[in-house]
Amino acid sequence: MKRSLILLGLLMLLLMACNPKSQSSPETNMANPTEANETALQAEINTLMAELTASAEKMSTEALEKYLSDEPWDSFYMGAKEYSKAELLLEVKKAYEPFTKQSLKTTKSTNRVLSPDYVLWKGIMESTATQKDGKTADMKLSETWLWHKTDKGWKVIHYDESW
């Protein structure tokens, strides 16, 4: 009987330790960041997004290459197709080929601080691209960027663009 009670107690301890309700959620793991901390993180991500937009307006993949994560398990989507970092960079370069210039305007955006190391940016952008023959093409884009702060700085670990 004593042995059964000990086993039951160990089982209860194990179950309580594995109970997801007993673990803190990512939002509570933030050590209750202040509004100022969240605002600073949002401003930092907005600055990085402005750099990416400026690079794209120059028809360059330089900033994209700089910020996309090199990890093979991270995912990047464009037009509902999954790409590795190298594939996405190649696909974006090919998409730029028929155009001489483009302008991008963010019409709506929001970013949400998930933790001090993760920020989600979502936005709607309007693009006007000028083809080599002078014709223009207008497009509305929906974009989602998941940023992760690493020892190498902020990296995009998930990107999804649709139109």
Foldseek 3Di string as FASTA:
>chain_A
DVVVVVVVVVVVVVCCVPDPVVDDDLQVVQVPDDPVLFVVVVVVVVVLVVVCQVCVQQLHCVSVLVAADQDQPFWEEEANDTDHSVRVRVVSNVVCVQFDGKHKDWPDKDKDDSHSFKIKIWTKMWMWTAGPVGDIDIDIKIKIFIWGQDPSGIHTRYIYIHD
